[in-house]
N, C-alpha and C. Protein backbone atom coordinates (compact mmCIF):
# COMPACT_ATOMS: atom_id res chain seq x y z
N MET A 1 106.37 35.67 69.56
CA MET A 1 107.65 36.82 70.18
C MET A 1 108.45 35.79 70.76
N SER A 2 110.15 36.75 70.49
CA SER A 2 110.86 36.60 70.11
C SER A 2 111.80 37.48 70.90
N CYS A 3 112.15 36.87 72.00
CA CYS A 3 113.38 37.67 72.92
C CYS A 3 114.61 38.88 72.78
N THR A 4 114.69 37.73 71.57
CA THR A 4 115.97 38.23 70.80
C THR A 4 116.73 39.10 70.72
N PRO A 5 118.21 39.48 70.82
CA PRO A 5 118.23 41.30 70.43
C PRO A 5 118.15 40.75 68.79
N PRO A 6 117.91 42.19 68.78
CA PRO A 6 117.82 43.05 66.41
C PRO A 6 119.60 42.01 66.10
N LEU A 7 119.13 41.67 65.38
CA LEU A 7 120.06 40.49 64.23
C LEU A 7 121.93 41.46 64.14
N HIS A 8 121.93 42.95 64.32
CA HIS A 8 122.31 43.68 64.49
C HIS A 8 122.71 44.27 65.65
N ALA A 9 122.18 44.24 66.72
CA ALA A 9 122.36 45.34 67.97
C ALA A 9 124.35 44.95 68.03
N ALA A 10 124.23 46.51 68.62
CA ALA A 10 125.01 47.63 68.70
C ALA A 10 125.43 47.83 69.76
N SER A 11 126.63 48.10 70.06
CA SER A 11 127.35 48.35 71.76
C SER A 11 127.16 49.55 71.18
N ILE A 12 126.84 50.77 71.70
CA ILE A 12 126.54 51.77 72.10
C ILE A 12 127.08 52.55 73.16
N GLU A 13 128.62 53.40 73.11
CA GLU A 13 128.67 54.02 74.30
C GLU A 13 128.74 55.27 73.93
N LEU A 14 127.75 55.37 75.25
CA LEU A 14 127.13 57.63 75.32
C LEU A 14 128.63 58.60 75.76
N ARG A 15 129.14 59.29 75.45
CA ARG A 15 130.01 60.26 75.72
C ARG A 15 129.99 61.65 75.47
N ARG A 16 130.22 63.01 77.05
CA ARG A 16 129.72 63.72 76.48
C ARG A 16 131.40 64.72 75.79
N ILE A 17 131.74 64.91 74.83
CA ILE A 17 133.22 65.74 74.60
C ILE A 17 132.48 67.36 74.34
N GLU A 18 133.81 68.07 75.49
CA GLU A 18 133.55 69.31 75.27
C GLU A 18 134.65 70.52 73.57
N THR A 19 133.20 70.96 73.30
CA THR A 19 134.14 71.32 71.66
C THR A 19 133.12 72.88 71.76
N ASN A 20 133.80 73.33 71.25
CA ASN A 20 132.91 75.19 70.88
C ASN A 20 132.52 75.42 72.21
N GLY A 21 132.03 75.52 73.10
CA GLY A 21 131.64 76.34 74.57
C GLY A 21 130.36 75.84 74.58
N ILE A 22 130.62 74.11 74.30
CA ILE A 22 129.76 73.87 74.26
C ILE A 22 129.90 72.08 75.01
N ARG A 23 128.76 71.25 75.55
CA ARG A 23 129.37 70.04 75.57
C ARG A 23 128.41 69.00 75.10
N ALA A 24 129.12 68.54 73.94
CA ALA A 24 128.32 67.60 73.18
C ALA A 24 128.32 65.51 73.86
N ASN A 25 126.73 65.58 73.39
CA ASN A 25 125.92 64.04 73.86
C ASN A 25 126.59 63.67 72.71
N VAL A 26 127.48 62.94 72.64
CA VAL A 26 127.43 61.50 71.62
C VAL A 26 127.53 60.03 71.69
N ALA A 27 126.61 59.89 70.64
CA ALA A 27 126.63 57.71 70.58
C ALA A 27 127.70 57.56 69.66
N LEU A 28 128.39 56.56 70.54
CA LEU A 28 129.99 56.03 69.37
C LEU A 28 128.91 54.49 69.67
N ALA A 29 129.86 53.83 68.81
CA ALA A 29 129.46 52.64 68.13
C ALA A 29 131.23 52.30 67.18
N GLY A 30 130.43 50.63 67.06
CA GLY A 30 131.62 50.33 65.80
C GLY A 30 132.88 51.07 65.94
N SER A 31 134.25 50.29 65.27
CA SER A 31 134.88 50.46 64.67
C SER A 31 135.57 50.58 63.48
N GLY A 32 136.71 51.21 62.97
CA GLY A 32 136.53 51.66 61.13
C GLY A 32 137.24 52.93 61.30
N PRO A 33 136.69 53.31 59.63
CA PRO A 33 136.59 54.77 58.88
C PRO A 33 135.24 54.97 59.58
N ALA A 34 135.46 56.07 60.01
CA ALA A 34 134.61 57.06 60.83
C ALA A 34 133.31 57.71 59.81
N VAL A 35 132.07 57.27 60.61
CA VAL A 35 130.49 58.04 59.46
C VAL A 35 130.15 58.58 60.66
N VAL A 36 129.32 60.28 60.34
CA VAL A 36 127.99 60.46 61.55
C VAL A 36 127.57 61.22 60.76
N LEU A 37 126.43 61.22 61.29
CA LEU A 37 125.26 60.50 61.45
C LEU A 37 124.56 62.12 61.85
N MET A 38 123.81 62.79 61.31
CA MET A 38 123.57 64.11 61.88
C MET A 38 122.27 64.31 61.84
N HIS A 39 121.31 64.07 62.65
CA HIS A 39 119.56 63.93 62.83
C HIS A 39 119.24 66.08 62.87
N GLY A 40 118.01 65.89 62.40
CA GLY A 40 117.11 67.32 62.06
C GLY A 40 116.42 67.41 62.98
N PHE A 41 115.89 68.58 62.59
CA PHE A 41 115.24 69.40 63.90
C PHE A 41 113.22 68.09 63.64
N PRO A 42 113.06 67.87 64.50
CA PRO A 42 113.39 68.07 66.47
C PRO A 42 114.45 66.50 67.10
N HIS A 43 115.17 65.65 65.95
CA HIS A 43 114.91 64.62 66.74
C HIS A 43 116.33 64.99 67.39
N THR A 44 117.07 64.01 67.73
CA THR A 44 118.70 63.18 68.33
C THR A 44 119.03 61.79 67.54
N TRP A 45 120.39 61.62 68.91
CA TRP A 45 120.92 60.72 68.13
C TRP A 45 120.47 59.30 67.48
N ARG A 46 119.54 59.26 68.88
CA ARG A 46 117.93 58.24 68.47
C ARG A 46 117.77 57.81 66.95
N LEU A 47 117.50 58.85 66.31
CA LEU A 47 116.48 59.18 65.64
C LEU A 47 117.78 57.45 64.58
N TRP A 48 118.72 57.04 64.90
CA TRP A 48 119.46 56.81 64.10
C TRP A 48 119.72 55.02 64.36
N SER A 49 119.15 54.87 65.64
CA SER A 49 119.42 53.51 65.90
C SER A 49 119.25 52.47 65.53
N GLU A 50 118.31 52.28 64.99
CA GLU A 50 117.51 51.18 63.82
C GLU A 50 118.70 50.76 62.90
N ILE A 51 120.03 51.46 62.25
CA ILE A 51 120.79 52.60 61.53
C ILE A 51 122.42 52.19 62.09
N ILE A 52 122.64 51.80 63.54
CA ILE A 52 123.87 52.41 63.19
C ILE A 52 124.21 50.46 63.97
N GLY A 53 123.24 49.68 64.65
CA GLY A 53 123.94 48.65 64.78
C GLY A 53 124.37 47.38 63.18
N PRO A 54 123.72 47.99 61.79
CA PRO A 54 124.48 47.63 60.96
C PRO A 54 125.55 48.58 60.73
N LEU A 55 125.55 49.58 60.54
CA LEU A 55 126.74 50.23 60.17
C LEU A 55 127.92 50.32 61.17
N SER A 56 128.32 49.49 62.16
CA SER A 56 129.42 49.93 63.22
C SER A 56 129.38 48.40 63.28
N ALA A 57 128.54 47.22 62.21
CA ALA A 57 130.26 46.32 62.22
C ALA A 57 130.82 46.79 60.60
N HIS A 58 131.48 47.16 59.88
CA HIS A 58 131.89 47.68 59.34
C HIS A 58 132.53 49.53 59.62
N TYR A 59 131.80 49.92 60.47
CA TYR A 59 132.37 51.78 60.72
C TYR A 59 132.35 52.49 61.93
N ARG A 60 133.05 53.32 61.89
CA ARG A 60 133.25 53.99 64.48
C ARG A 60 131.51 54.78 63.64
N VAL A 61 130.92 55.05 63.96
CA VAL A 61 129.48 55.56 64.10
C VAL A 61 129.47 56.18 65.32
N ILE A 62 129.32 57.58 64.03
CA ILE A 62 129.58 58.85 65.59
C ILE A 62 127.93 59.60 65.54
N ALA A 63 127.30 59.56 66.67
CA ALA A 63 126.65 60.05 66.27
C ALA A 63 125.90 61.11 67.28
N PRO A 64 125.97 62.29 66.92
CA PRO A 64 126.58 63.54 67.75
C PRO A 64 124.55 63.88 68.46
N ASP A 65 124.90 63.98 69.75
CA ASP A 65 122.81 65.42 69.58
C ASP A 65 123.43 66.93 69.45
N LEU A 66 122.92 67.62 67.95
CA LEU A 66 123.47 68.35 67.70
C LEU A 66 123.28 69.53 69.24
N ARG A 67 123.62 70.95 69.12
CA ARG A 67 123.41 71.49 69.93
C ARG A 67 122.08 72.60 70.28
N GLY A 68 121.94 71.82 71.08
CA GLY A 68 120.58 72.13 71.83
C GLY A 68 119.73 71.40 72.12
N PHE A 69 120.34 70.02 71.45
CA PHE A 69 119.10 68.33 71.27
C PHE A 69 119.56 67.48 72.55
N GLY A 70 118.94 66.78 72.49
CA GLY A 70 118.96 65.62 72.95
C GLY A 70 119.57 66.62 74.97
N ALA A 71 120.89 65.36 74.92
CA ALA A 71 121.19 65.65 75.89
C ALA A 71 122.83 66.75 75.97
N THR A 72 122.64 67.32 74.24
CA THR A 72 123.90 68.56 74.09
C THR A 72 123.76 69.55 74.97
N THR A 73 124.71 69.99 75.58
CA THR A 73 124.15 71.51 76.28
C THR A 73 123.59 73.07 74.93
N ARG A 74 122.77 72.85 75.65
CA ARG A 74 121.91 75.06 75.11
C ARG A 74 122.57 75.93 74.95
N ALA A 75 122.85 76.36 74.32
CA ALA A 75 124.10 77.56 74.41
C ALA A 75 122.91 78.80 74.08
N PRO A 76 123.07 80.15 74.65
CA PRO A 76 122.21 81.40 73.83
C PRO A 76 122.61 81.06 72.87
N ASP A 77 123.91 81.46 71.92
CA ASP A 77 123.36 81.12 70.52
C ASP A 77 124.85 80.71 69.92
N GLY A 78 124.51 80.57 68.76
CA GLY A 78 125.53 79.74 68.13
C GLY A 78 124.44 78.61 66.96
N TYR A 79 123.15 78.56 66.86
CA TYR A 79 122.69 77.54 66.65
C TYR A 79 122.04 77.47 64.40
N ASP A 80 123.81 78.84 64.06
CA ASP A 80 123.87 78.86 62.33
C ASP A 80 123.96 77.44 62.03
N ALA A 81 124.41 76.35 61.23
CA ALA A 81 124.79 75.88 60.39
C ALA A 81 126.42 75.71 60.31
N ASP A 82 127.21 77.05 60.62
CA ASP A 82 128.65 77.35 60.54
C ASP A 82 128.97 77.19 61.58
N THR A 83 128.61 77.39 63.21
CA THR A 83 128.91 76.74 64.47
C THR A 83 128.27 75.60 64.93
N LEU A 84 127.25 74.88 63.93
CA LEU A 84 126.63 73.54 64.44
C LEU A 84 128.10 73.22 63.79
N ALA A 85 128.79 73.05 62.23
CA ALA A 85 129.56 72.50 61.14
C ALA A 85 131.30 72.26 62.74
N THR A 86 131.96 73.63 63.21
CA THR A 86 132.24 73.82 63.93
C THR A 86 132.18 72.78 64.86
N ASP A 87 131.31 73.33 65.71
CA ASP A 87 130.90 71.60 66.56
C ASP A 87 130.97 70.16 66.66
N ILE A 88 130.53 69.38 65.59
CA ILE A 88 131.29 69.15 64.43
C ILE A 88 132.26 68.36 64.80
N ALA A 89 132.44 69.87 63.56
CA ALA A 89 134.47 69.48 63.44
C ALA A 89 134.94 69.15 64.43
N GLY A 90 134.47 70.09 66.06
CA GLY A 90 135.74 69.70 67.68
C GLY A 90 135.50 68.25 68.15
N ILE A 91 134.27 67.33 67.30
CA ILE A 91 133.91 66.25 68.01
C ILE A 91 134.85 65.24 66.98
N LEU A 92 135.25 65.88 66.15
CA LEU A 92 136.13 64.71 65.92
C LEU A 92 137.02 64.97 65.90
N ASP A 93 137.59 65.47 66.11
CA ASP A 93 139.24 66.47 66.46
C ASP A 93 139.53 65.57 67.57
N ALA A 94 138.32 65.30 68.65
CA ALA A 94 138.21 65.42 70.02
C ALA A 94 137.86 63.63 69.66
N LEU A 95 137.88 63.19 68.95
CA LEU A 95 137.93 61.47 68.80
C LEU A 95 138.72 61.63 67.86
N GLY A 96 139.91 61.76 68.09
CA GLY A 96 140.90 61.97 66.76
C GLY A 96 140.55 60.69 65.23
N GLU A 97 139.90 61.67 64.55
CA GLU A 97 139.46 61.46 63.71
C GLU A 97 139.61 62.66 62.44
N PRO A 98 140.53 62.17 61.82
CA PRO A 98 141.21 63.14 60.52
C PRO A 98 140.41 63.14 60.00
N SER A 99 139.02 62.62 59.33
CA SER A 99 138.20 62.46 58.55
C SER A 99 136.99 61.53 58.76
N ALA A 100 136.24 61.93 58.12
CA ALA A 100 134.99 60.50 58.04
C ALA A 100 133.57 61.29 57.42
N ALA A 101 132.83 59.82 56.53
CA ALA A 101 131.59 59.81 55.24
C ALA A 101 130.71 60.84 56.39
N VAL A 102 129.32 61.08 55.94
CA VAL A 102 128.45 62.74 57.07
C VAL A 102 127.51 62.12 55.89
N VAL A 103 126.14 62.16 56.87
CA VAL A 103 124.71 61.58 56.71
C VAL A 103 124.23 62.65 57.66
N ALA A 104 122.93 61.86 56.70
CA ALA A 104 122.57 64.40 57.22
C ALA A 104 121.11 64.47 56.89
N ILE A 105 120.16 64.79 57.63
CA ILE A 105 118.51 64.31 57.16
C ILE A 105 117.97 65.39 57.30
N ASP A 106 117.62 66.48 56.80
CA ASP A 106 116.46 67.97 56.85
C ASP A 106 117.38 68.87 57.41
N ALA A 107 117.30 69.24 59.02
CA ALA A 107 118.16 70.86 59.09
C ALA A 107 119.92 70.07 59.58
N GLY A 108 120.54 69.02 59.66
CA GLY A 108 121.42 68.23 59.92
C GLY A 108 121.78 68.73 58.47
N THR A 109 121.71 68.80 57.05
CA THR A 109 121.83 68.56 56.31
C THR A 109 122.88 70.56 55.48
N PRO A 110 122.36 71.58 56.11
CA PRO A 110 123.49 72.43 55.88
C PRO A 110 124.91 71.84 56.57
N VAL A 111 124.27 72.36 57.87
CA VAL A 111 126.04 71.52 58.78
C VAL A 111 126.38 70.69 58.15
N ALA A 112 126.11 69.40 57.57
CA ALA A 112 126.63 68.72 56.14
C ALA A 112 128.09 68.86 55.60
N VAL A 113 126.81 69.65 54.35
CA VAL A 113 127.41 69.97 54.03
C VAL A 113 128.87 71.09 53.82
N LEU A 114 128.50 72.77 54.66
CA LEU A 114 129.62 73.23 55.54
C LEU A 114 130.59 72.87 56.56
N LEU A 115 130.69 71.60 56.43
CA LEU A 115 131.08 70.61 57.40
C LEU A 115 131.88 70.09 56.29
N ALA A 116 131.65 69.39 55.25
CA ALA A 116 132.80 68.99 54.27
C ALA A 116 133.23 69.81 53.17
N LEU A 117 132.81 71.26 53.01
CA LEU A 117 133.39 72.27 52.42
C LEU A 117 134.85 72.51 53.42
N ARG A 118 134.68 72.79 54.27
CA ARG A 118 136.45 72.74 54.64
C ARG A 118 137.59 71.54 55.51
N PRO A 119 138.78 72.53 55.13
CA PRO A 119 139.40 72.01 54.36
C PRO A 119 139.86 70.87 56.27
N PRO A 120 140.57 69.28 54.92
CA PRO A 120 140.14 67.92 55.88
C PRO A 120 141.15 68.27 57.26
């Protein structure tokens, strides 16, 4: 059994970003064009932990915990896809990213679609 790190281990930075009335927990790794990874229910950013390393070799990976999940703050409302898309847009603005490719699964998919339909 080997104790060496995985071939594509990433140095992941966790950052708290204030946006749209919440404090989002966001995992960041790599540099280059931005890629946002959006989890579904009942996951967190850690769902993507095995692919963050390989992606971060070529991209700036942005993997937030969606509103109310993981270490992102809970709010009394705002769990609809449009509000969640506004949360992600705010995260991208705070990080200085004018655009990003978006990957989503499960309940993150409607959020990704609404984010993609917004003006760049």
